[in-house]
Protein backbone atom coordinates (compact mmCIF):
# COMPACT_ATOMS: atom_id res chain seq x y z
CA MET A 1 5.99 24.23 16.34
CA SER A 2 6.48 27.90 15.67
CA GLN A 3 3.62 30.33 15.79
CA ALA A 4 3.34 33.76 14.24
CA ASP A 5 0.97 34.69 17.04
CA SER A 6 -0.96 32.82 19.71
CA SER A 7 -4.07 32.47 17.49
CA THR A 8 -2.29 30.71 14.59
CA VAL A 9 -1.57 26.99 14.61
CA GLU A 10 0.67 25.75 11.80
CA LEU A 11 -0.15 22.64 9.80
CA GLY A 12 2.38 20.20 8.46
CA LYS A 13 2.13 18.89 4.92
CA PRO A 14 0.22 15.62 4.55
CA PRO A 15 2.04 12.69 2.95
CA PRO A 16 1.48 12.10 -0.79
CA LYS A 17 -1.83 10.37 -1.62
CA GLY A 18 -0.07 7.33 -3.07
CA VAL A 19 1.79 6.74 0.20
CA LEU A 20 -1.46 7.06 2.15
CA LYS A 21 -3.24 4.56 -0.12
CA ILE A 22 -0.48 1.99 0.26
CA PHE A 23 -0.29 2.45 4.04
CA THR A 24 -4.11 2.21 4.30
CA ARG A 25 -4.18 -1.08 2.36
CA ILE A 26 -1.39 -2.54 4.49
CA ASN A 27 -3.10 -1.34 7.69
CA VAL A 28 -6.45 -2.91 6.71
CA TRP A 29 -4.79 -6.18 5.67
CA VAL A 30 -2.72 -6.55 8.86
CA TYR A 31 -5.62 -5.45 11.11
CA ARG A 32 -7.94 -8.06 9.58
CA LEU A 33 -5.32 -10.81 9.46
CA SER A 34 -4.57 -10.32 13.16
CA GLY A 35 -8.21 -9.96 14.22
CA GLY A 36 -7.52 -6.35 15.23
CA LYS A 37 -4.56 -7.21 17.46
CA LEU A 38 -1.97 -5.50 15.20
CA MET A 39 -1.98 -2.04 13.61
CA ASN A 40 -4.95 -1.17 15.81
CA LYS A 41 -3.64 2.16 17.10
CA LEU A 42 -2.62 5.51 15.69
CA GLY A 43 -0.32 7.46 17.97
CA GLY A 44 -1.40 5.22 20.85
CA ASP A 45 -5.13 5.74 20.26
CA PRO A 46 -7.43 2.96 19.04
CA ILE A 47 -8.61 2.70 15.46
CA CYS A 48 -11.35 0.69 13.84
CA LEU A 49 -11.94 -0.26 10.22
CA VAL A 50 -14.89 1.46 8.58
CA THR A 51 -16.30 0.00 5.38
CA MET A 52 -18.45 2.46 3.47
CA THR A 53 -19.76 3.08 -0.03
CA GLY A 54 -18.13 5.79 -2.11
CA ALA A 55 -20.34 8.81 -2.81
CA ARG A 56 -19.29 9.06 -6.47
CA SER A 57 -17.85 5.64 -7.29
CA GLY A 58 -20.43 3.50 -5.50
CA LYS A 59 -17.57 1.14 -4.58
CA ARG A 60 -17.15 -0.31 -1.12
CA ARG A 61 -14.02 1.02 0.60
CA THR A 62 -12.46 0.19 3.94
CA ILE A 63 -10.37 2.72 5.84
CA PRO A 64 -8.83 2.78 9.31
CA LEU A 65 -10.22 5.62 11.45
CA MET A 66 -9.85 6.75 15.02
CA TYR A 67 -13.13 6.38 16.86
CA VAL A 68 -14.80 7.18 20.13
CA PRO A 69 -16.79 4.35 21.79
CA TYR A 70 -20.01 5.81 23.18
CA GLY A 71 -22.44 3.35 24.77
CA ASP A 72 -23.66 1.00 22.05
CA THR A 73 -22.69 3.54 19.39
CA ILE A 74 -19.45 4.77 17.83
CA LEU A 75 -18.53 8.39 17.21
CA LEU A 76 -16.45 9.30 14.16
CA VAL A 77 -14.85 12.75 13.96
CA ALA A 78 -14.12 14.15 10.48
CA SER A 79 -11.22 16.26 11.71
CA GLN A 80 -8.58 15.46 9.08
CA GLY A 81 -6.07 16.95 11.48
CA GLY A 82 -7.67 20.38 11.21
CA MET A 83 -7.18 20.67 7.45
CA PRO A 84 -9.38 23.27 5.70
CA ARG A 85 -11.60 20.65 4.00
CA HIS A 86 -13.55 17.67 5.25
CA PRO A 87 -11.93 14.28 4.62
CA VAL A 88 -13.19 12.44 1.53
CA TRP A 89 -14.93 9.86 3.69
CA TYR A 90 -17.21 12.63 5.04
CA ASN A 91 -19.03 12.80 1.67
CA ASN A 92 -19.29 9.01 1.58
CA LEU A 93 -21.09 8.88 4.94
CA VAL A 94 -23.43 11.73 4.02
CA ALA A 95 -24.39 10.02 0.74
CA ASN A 96 -24.37 6.42 2.04
CA PRO A 97 -24.72 6.26 5.83
CA ASP A 98 -24.84 2.46 6.21
CA VAL A 99 -21.40 1.24 7.30
CA THR A 100 -19.69 -1.81 8.70
CA ILE A 101 -17.30 -1.15 11.56
CA GLU A 102 -14.68 -3.65 12.69
CA GLU A 103 -13.36 -3.29 16.24
CA GLY A 104 -10.88 -6.04 16.95
CA GLY A 105 -12.61 -9.20 15.76
CA LEU A 106 -16.13 -7.76 16.12
CA LEU A 107 -18.07 -6.69 13.00
CA ARG A 108 -21.06 -4.34 13.41
CA LYS A 109 -23.48 -2.96 10.84
CA LEU A 110 -24.31 0.61 11.80
CA ARG A 111 -25.90 3.73 10.33
CA ALA A 112 -23.93 6.98 10.51
CA ARG A 113 -25.73 10.23 11.22
CA GLU A 114 -24.07 13.64 11.37
CA VAL A 115 -24.95 15.38 14.61
CA ALA A 116 -25.70 19.07 14.88
CA GLY A 117 -26.87 21.72 17.33
CA GLU A 118 -27.34 20.69 20.94
CA GLU A 119 -26.55 17.04 20.26
CA ARG A 120 -23.19 17.99 18.73
CA ALA A 121 -22.53 20.39 21.61
CA GLN A 122 -23.04 17.47 24.03
CA LEU A 123 -20.91 15.00 22.05
CA TRP A 124 -17.96 17.24 21.17
CA PRO A 125 -16.56 17.23 24.76
CA VAL A 126 -16.87 13.41 24.78
CA CYS A 127 -14.72 13.29 21.63
CA VAL A 128 -12.15 15.71 23.10
CA GLU A 129 -12.02 13.76 26.36
CA HIS A 130 -11.25 10.62 24.36
CA TYR A 131 -8.66 12.35 22.12
CA ALA A 132 -7.52 15.79 23.29
CA ASP A 133 -5.96 16.74 19.93
CA TYR A 134 -9.46 17.18 18.46
CA ASP A 135 -9.53 20.52 20.27
CA LEU A 136 -6.21 21.48 18.66
CA TYR A 137 -7.57 20.49 15.25
CA ARG A 138 -10.63 22.68 15.87
CA GLN A 139 -8.31 25.63 16.44
CA ARG A 140 -6.48 24.95 13.17
CA THR A 141 -9.52 25.29 10.94
CA GLU A 142 -12.38 27.66 10.34
CA ARG A 143 -14.79 24.86 9.45
CA GLU A 144 -16.91 23.14 12.04
CA ILE A 145 -15.47 19.66 12.41
CA PRO A 146 -18.26 17.16 11.71
CA VAL A 147 -19.12 14.45 14.21
CA PHE A 148 -21.03 11.31 13.19
CA ILE A 149 -22.81 8.97 15.55
CA CYS A 150 -22.94 5.42 14.21
CA GLU A 151 -25.95 3.65 15.64
CA PRO A 152 -27.26 0.09 15.35
CA ILE A 153 -29.59 -0.29 12.39
CA THR A 154 -33.13 -1.01 13.50
CA GLN A 155 -35.36 -2.50 10.84
């Protein structure tokens, strides 16, 4: 990676959206078919399947995401590799926080909540400890990278 100066981190181009959609569908299918034993990592780090409701469409969608296990909760980091905008799924969780998360063969119904302030300050190092590149992504963007805590739904 070349850098113009030490404060600039270059971004590569993301793959075309059509390629991402096809890969996502294949990933979800294989993950589910194998009970989470196959296609369960991205770059060596674990992924889970998150089923959420679209903010505009209202349709249920399942996507593979990296996650951070944290006690009986799961942390999701809307880093999008340090791109200038939040990932699309960010808006889905803000509008419709109830999600289903599949880890291996385990299905959990959780409620996502974006953390802020002191709580975010405490959880960000946990995310970076789990996946060090989150810190690199933070350097790539001027936006604050959102962190969601997905907690068991209490009725």
